[in-house]
Protein backbone atom coordinates (compact mmCIF):
# COMPACT_ATOMS: atom_id res chain seq x y z
CA MET A 1 88.12 98.93 105.40
CA THR A 2 90.13 100.54 102.60
CA ASN A 3 88.01 102.35 100.00
CA TRP A 4 89.80 101.06 96.90
CA PRO A 5 89.59 103.11 93.70
CA ASP A 6 87.80 101.54 90.74
CA LEU A 7 90.22 100.15 88.15
CA VAL A 8 87.98 101.35 85.31
CA ALA A 9 88.12 104.87 86.74
CA LEU A 10 91.92 104.64 86.77
CA GLU A 11 91.80 103.41 83.17
CA LEU A 12 89.69 106.41 82.24
CA LEU A 13 92.11 108.80 83.93
CA VAL A 14 95.03 107.33 82.00
CA GLY A 15 92.91 107.44 78.85
CA VAL A 16 92.30 111.17 79.22
CA ASP A 17 96.05 111.65 79.35
CA ASP A 18 96.80 109.31 76.43
CA ARG A 19 93.90 110.20 74.13
CA GLY A 20 93.54 113.91 74.80
CA GLY A 21 90.01 113.96 76.15
CA LEU A 22 87.32 112.23 78.17
CA GLY A 23 85.18 111.33 75.17
CA ALA A 24 87.96 109.34 73.52
CA ALA A 25 88.90 107.75 76.84
CA ALA A 26 85.28 106.70 77.44
CA ARG A 27 84.99 105.17 73.95
CA ALA A 28 88.22 103.20 74.46
CA ALA A 29 86.84 101.85 77.75
CA GLY A 30 83.47 101.00 76.17
CA LEU A 31 81.52 103.48 78.32
CA ALA A 32 79.01 106.22 77.61
CA GLN A 33 80.54 109.61 78.39
CA PRO A 34 78.03 110.50 81.17
CA ASN A 35 78.94 107.26 82.96
CA ALA A 36 82.63 107.98 82.51
CA THR A 37 82.14 111.47 83.94
CA ARG A 38 80.39 110.08 87.02
CA MET A 39 83.17 107.52 87.57
CA LEU A 40 85.88 110.17 87.41
CA ARG A 41 83.98 112.44 89.80
CA ARG A 42 83.63 109.54 92.23
CA LEU A 43 87.39 108.92 91.96
CA GLU A 44 88.06 112.60 92.68
CA ARG A 45 85.89 112.41 95.80
CA GLN A 46 87.69 109.28 96.95
CA LEU A 47 91.13 110.83 96.53
CA GLY A 48 90.16 114.33 97.66
CA ALA A 49 91.67 116.07 94.65
CA VAL A 50 90.53 117.55 91.34
CA LEU A 51 92.06 115.31 88.67
CA VAL A 52 90.42 116.50 85.43
CA ARG A 53 89.81 120.06 84.31
CA ARG A 54 86.72 120.25 82.12
CA GLY A 55 86.30 123.04 79.59
CA ARG A 56 84.54 123.89 76.35
CA THR A 57 87.38 122.47 74.29
CA GLY A 58 87.57 119.20 76.20
CA SER A 59 89.06 117.66 79.34
CA VAL A 60 92.68 117.70 80.44
CA LEU A 61 94.45 116.45 83.54
CA THR A 62 95.28 118.83 86.35
CA PRO A 63 98.80 118.65 87.82
CA GLU A 64 97.37 116.43 90.56
CA GLY A 65 95.70 114.29 87.92
CA THR A 66 98.98 113.87 86.07
CA VAL A 67 100.64 112.54 89.24
CA VAL A 68 97.76 110.15 89.97
CA ALA A 69 97.72 108.98 86.34
CA HIS A 70 101.41 108.08 86.63
CA TRP A 71 100.71 105.78 89.57
CA ALA A 72 97.50 104.54 87.99
CA ARG A 73 99.58 103.15 85.11
CA GLU A 74 101.57 101.09 87.63
CA VAL A 75 98.39 99.80 89.29
CA LEU A 76 96.84 98.83 85.94
CA ALA A 77 100.03 97.07 84.85
CA ASP A 78 100.07 95.09 88.11
CA ALA A 79 96.39 94.21 87.59
CA GLU A 80 97.19 92.87 84.12
CA ARG A 81 99.98 90.72 85.57
CA LEU A 82 97.59 89.41 88.23
CA LEU A 83 95.07 88.43 85.56
CA ASP A 84 97.78 86.68 83.54
CA ALA A 85 98.83 84.65 86.57
CA ALA A 86 95.21 83.83 87.45
CA ALA A 87 94.54 82.74 83.88
CA ALA A 88 97.48 80.36 84.11
CA LEU A 89 95.93 78.79 87.21
CA ARG A 90 92.56 78.09 85.55
CA VAL A 91 93.57 77.22 82.00
CA GLU A 92 91.05 74.81 80.43
CA GLN A 93 92.67 74.10 77.08
CA GLN A 94 95.59 71.74 76.72
CA PRO A 95 98.49 73.85 78.03
CA GLU A 96 101.56 74.38 75.87
CA LEU A 97 103.66 75.39 78.88
CA VAL A 98 103.22 73.86 82.34
CA VAL A 99 105.05 75.74 85.09
CA ALA A 100 105.43 74.61 88.71
CA ALA A 101 106.53 77.13 91.34
CA SER A 102 107.25 77.14 95.04
CA MET A 103 104.96 79.20 97.26
CA THR A 104 107.28 82.20 97.71
CA VAL A 105 108.09 82.38 93.99
CA ALA A 106 104.41 81.97 93.05
CA GLU A 107 103.26 84.67 95.48
CA HIS A 108 105.85 87.31 94.70
CA LEU A 109 107.63 86.71 91.37
CA ILE A 110 105.62 84.53 88.97
CA PRO A 111 102.90 87.13 88.23
CA ARG A 112 105.52 89.60 86.94
CA TRP A 113 107.42 86.92 85.02
CA LEU A 114 104.32 85.48 83.34
CA GLY A 115 103.02 88.97 82.57
CA ALA A 116 106.26 89.85 80.78
CA PHE A 117 106.22 86.52 78.93
CA ARG A 118 102.62 87.00 77.76
CA THR A 119 103.51 90.34 76.17
CA LEU A 120 105.96 88.41 73.95
CA ARG A 121 104.08 85.11 73.50
CA ASP A 122 100.35 85.61 73.95
CA ASP A 123 99.80 82.54 71.76
CA VAL A 124 101.16 80.18 74.43
CA GLN A 125 98.63 78.59 76.78
CA ILE A 126 100.17 78.45 80.28
CA GLN A 127 99.25 76.34 83.30
CA LEU A 128 100.68 77.18 86.73
CA GLN A 129 101.00 74.63 89.54
CA VAL A 130 101.90 75.80 93.06
CA HIS A 131 103.67 73.50 95.54
CA ASN A 132 106.51 73.77 98.04
CA SER A 133 110.04 73.45 96.68
CA MET A 134 110.44 69.72 97.38
CA TRP A 135 107.19 68.92 95.57
CA VAL A 136 108.17 71.13 92.64
CA CYS A 137 111.40 69.16 92.22
CA ASP A 138 109.43 65.90 92.39
CA VAL A 139 106.95 67.14 89.76
CA VAL A 140 109.81 68.20 87.48
CA ALA A 141 111.63 64.89 87.93
CA GLU A 142 108.44 62.95 87.10
CA GLY A 143 107.82 64.99 83.94
CA GLY A 144 104.69 66.66 85.34
CA CYS A 145 105.73 70.12 84.16
CA ASP A 146 108.07 71.76 81.65
CA VAL A 147 109.98 73.89 84.14
CA GLY A 148 109.90 74.51 87.88
CA PHE A 149 110.98 77.40 90.10
CA VAL A 150 112.31 76.62 93.56
CA GLU A 151 113.83 78.41 96.52
CA GLY A 152 115.62 75.52 98.22
CA PRO A 153 119.39 75.60 98.82
CA THR A 154 120.02 72.49 96.71
CA VAL A 155 118.66 70.87 93.56
CA PRO A 156 118.23 67.07 93.35
CA GLU A 157 120.71 65.10 91.30
CA GLY A 158 119.57 64.55 87.74
CA LEU A 159 117.92 67.96 87.30
CA HIS A 160 119.44 70.95 85.53
CA SER A 161 119.11 74.43 86.99
CA VAL A 162 119.95 78.09 86.51
CA ALA A 163 119.78 81.00 88.95
CA VAL A 164 116.86 83.35 88.24
CA ALA A 165 116.83 85.58 91.34
CA ARG A 166 118.43 86.13 94.73
CA ASP A 167 116.66 86.37 98.05
CA ARG A 168 117.42 86.69 101.75
CA LEU A 169 115.64 85.32 104.79
CA VAL A 170 115.21 87.59 107.80
CA VAL A 171 114.06 87.11 111.40
CA VAL A 172 110.88 89.12 111.96
CA VAL A 173 108.82 90.07 115.03
CA PRO A 174 106.05 92.62 115.69
CA PRO A 175 107.18 95.99 117.14
CA GLN A 176 106.03 95.09 120.66
CA HIS A 177 108.17 91.93 120.83
CA PRO A 178 111.20 92.15 123.17
CA TRP A 179 113.55 91.29 120.28
CA ALA A 180 112.50 94.48 118.47
CA ARG A 181 114.38 96.61 121.03
CA ARG A 182 117.49 94.62 121.86
CA ARG A 183 121.01 93.96 120.63
CA PRO A 184 121.55 91.44 117.82
CA LEU A 185 120.75 87.82 118.65
CA THR A 186 123.29 85.05 118.57
CA VAL A 187 122.66 82.10 116.30
CA ALA A 188 122.38 79.85 119.37
CA GLU A 189 119.64 82.08 120.82
CA LEU A 190 117.66 81.91 117.60
CA ALA A 191 118.06 78.12 117.41
CA ALA A 192 116.89 77.70 121.03
CA THR A 193 113.72 79.76 120.45
CA PRO A 194 110.46 78.15 119.31
CA LEU A 195 109.59 79.72 115.95
CA VAL A 196 106.63 79.87 113.62
CA VAL A 197 107.96 77.97 110.61
CA ARG A 198 107.02 76.70 107.16
CA GLU A 199 106.23 73.05 106.63
CA GLU A 200 108.83 70.37 105.90
CA GLY A 201 109.73 70.43 102.21
CA SER A 202 109.53 74.18 101.76
CA GLY A 203 112.63 75.99 100.55
CA THR A 204 112.40 78.52 103.38
CA ARG A 205 112.32 75.75 106.00
CA ARG A 206 115.19 73.88 104.35
CA THR A 207 117.38 77.01 104.20
CA LEU A 208 116.76 77.74 107.89
CA ASP A 209 117.34 74.12 108.97
CA LEU A 210 120.68 73.98 107.14
CA ALA A 211 121.79 77.30 108.66
CA LEU A 212 121.02 76.05 112.19
CA GLN A 213 121.96 72.39 111.81
CA GLU A 214 124.96 72.61 114.15
CA TYR A 215 122.90 74.02 117.03
CA ASP A 216 120.45 72.53 119.53
CA ARG A 217 117.01 73.38 118.18
CA ALA A 218 113.77 74.14 119.94
CA ALA A 219 110.66 72.42 118.58
CA PRO A 220 108.64 74.64 116.21
CA LEU A 221 105.97 76.77 117.81
CA LEU A 222 103.73 76.30 114.78
CA GLU A 223 104.12 74.83 111.27
CA LEU A 224 102.18 76.49 108.44
CA GLY A 225 101.83 75.89 104.71
CA SER A 226 102.59 79.32 103.27
CA GLY A 227 104.67 82.40 103.91
CA ALA A 228 101.50 84.49 104.09
CA ALA A 229 100.14 82.31 106.89
CA VAL A 230 103.42 82.53 108.81
CA ARG A 231 103.47 86.31 108.39
CA THR A 232 99.90 86.62 109.66
CA SER A 233 100.81 84.57 112.74
CA VAL A 234 103.77 86.83 113.49
CA LEU A 235 101.63 89.94 113.06
CA GLY A 236 99.15 88.42 115.52
CA GLY A 237 101.85 87.94 118.15
CA THR A 238 102.13 84.14 117.96
CA GLY A 239 105.94 84.23 117.86
CA PRO A 240 109.04 85.09 115.82
CA ALA A 241 109.61 83.67 112.35
CA VAL A 242 112.21 83.57 109.60
CA LEU A 243 110.74 84.67 106.27
CA SER A 244 111.79 85.77 102.81
CA THR A 245 112.29 89.50 102.39
CA LEU A 246 109.95 89.17 99.41
CA ALA A 247 107.15 88.28 101.84
CA VAL A 248 107.78 90.98 104.45
CA GLU A 249 109.37 93.95 102.66
CA GLU A 250 106.30 96.20 102.73
CA TYR A 251 105.57 95.23 106.34
CA LEU A 252 109.10 96.20 107.37
CA ASP A 253 108.80 99.49 105.48
CA SER A 254 105.51 100.32 107.22
CA GLY A 255 106.81 99.34 110.67
CA ARG A 256 104.24 96.57 111.19
CA LEU A 257 107.13 94.12 111.46
CA VAL A 258 110.70 94.58 112.68
CA ALA A 259 113.76 92.75 111.32
CA VAL A 260 116.00 91.30 114.03
CA ALA A 261 119.75 91.08 113.37
CA VAL A 262 121.51 87.79 114.10
CA ASP A 263 125.29 87.85 114.44
CA GLY A 264 127.07 85.42 112.13
CA LEU A 265 123.97 84.09 110.36
CA ASP A 266 123.95 84.16 106.55
CA LEU A 267 120.51 83.50 105.10
CA GLN A 268 121.17 84.60 101.52
CA ARG A 269 119.79 82.17 98.95
CA VAL A 270 119.46 81.68 95.22
CA LEU A 271 116.13 81.05 93.52
CA ARG A 272 116.43 78.64 90.58
CA ALA A 273 114.65 77.37 87.53
CA VAL A 274 114.87 73.56 87.35
CA TRP A 275 114.14 71.11 84.56
CA ARG A 276 114.82 67.57 83.35
CA PRO A 277 117.49 66.72 80.76
CA PRO A 278 118.59 67.66 78.20
CA ARG A 279 120.69 70.52 79.55
CA ALA A 280 119.49 72.94 76.85
CA LEU A 281 115.93 73.97 77.78
CA SER A 282 113.98 74.56 74.56
CA GLY A 283 110.51 75.66 73.51
CA PRO A 284 108.31 78.07 75.50
CA ALA A 285 109.91 76.93 78.78
CA GLY A 286 113.33 77.90 77.49
CA GLU A 287 112.00 81.24 76.26
CA LEU A 288 110.48 81.96 79.68
CA VAL A 289 113.68 81.16 81.56
CA ARG A 290 115.82 83.18 79.15
CA LEU A 291 113.48 86.16 79.55
CA ILE A 292 113.76 85.97 83.35
CA THR A 293 117.55 85.64 83.40
CA ARG A 294 117.94 88.57 80.99
CA THR A 295 115.82 90.90 83.10
CA ARG A 296 116.53 89.79 86.66
C-alpha cells in the first residue's frame, strides 16, 4: 500500500519556502513548532531526503526540499480543487448554481473547472449532479439544473450548447492481451469483438455505437456504469474496451494499459456545455461557461 505523504506536512514545507522559516510556517498552519518539526522529519523519512536545513538563524529548504516544495504546491492545489468539487456534491444551503455533468466530465474535468470558478466567485453556492450524458440532457431540458456538461456526439433539439473541451476515445487492453502486440485492427474486427462497454445513454457508448453503426456488432461482454469501472475490468483481464483518453492517460503512460490502433476509425469528440433557452447564458452559469471556454 502506498505510504502517502501528509498534506499538512506538504503545507508546512511550502510554508517554510514562502514565509522564510519553520516558526512562521507552523503558525500559519495552526501548529505548535515542535509538532511541525516532527511532521517535517516524518516527511523526510518517507521521501528519503533532507528537505529542511535547520540552523541558529532559522530553517531553509535544501535543494531537494525546493524541488519537493514545487511539486507539493501542485498536490495542494489539486487537493483544494477536490474539496471544492466535494463541497458542491454535499451543499446543504439553497444552491445558486446547479451543475449537472456526465461521468467522464465529472471525474476528470469538473474539479478543475469548479476550483477555478471558486477562486473568482466564492460567494456562489454550487450543487453538482452526476449522471450519464443522456440523463444530463434530460435534466437540463426539464429545468433541473442551470447548465449541463455532456460528452455525447449530439445535443437534443431545443437545447443550446457550446464546445468546452475536446476528447478522443481509444481502444485499450492490458499488456498481456494479444492485441497489445499485433498490427492495427480493422474496424470490422473491433465491431465483431465482445467489449466491456458503458451503459446505454452514456456519451462514450453513444460515440462508439455511432462509429460502428455500419458494421455487424458482437453483443457486449459487460455493461458498466462508469469509466472507472470499465477501466478496472480491462486491467483485470475481462476484455478490451473503448474509453476516453481522460480516463486512461496515466495508465497508458505507466504501461498498465496499451492503446490499440484501429485503421480508419475516428473517435474524436467534442465535450459541450448545454442549457435551455434563451441562447445567451447569464448569471453564475454563464460566468462558469465563459471561464471554461477562455481557458480550455
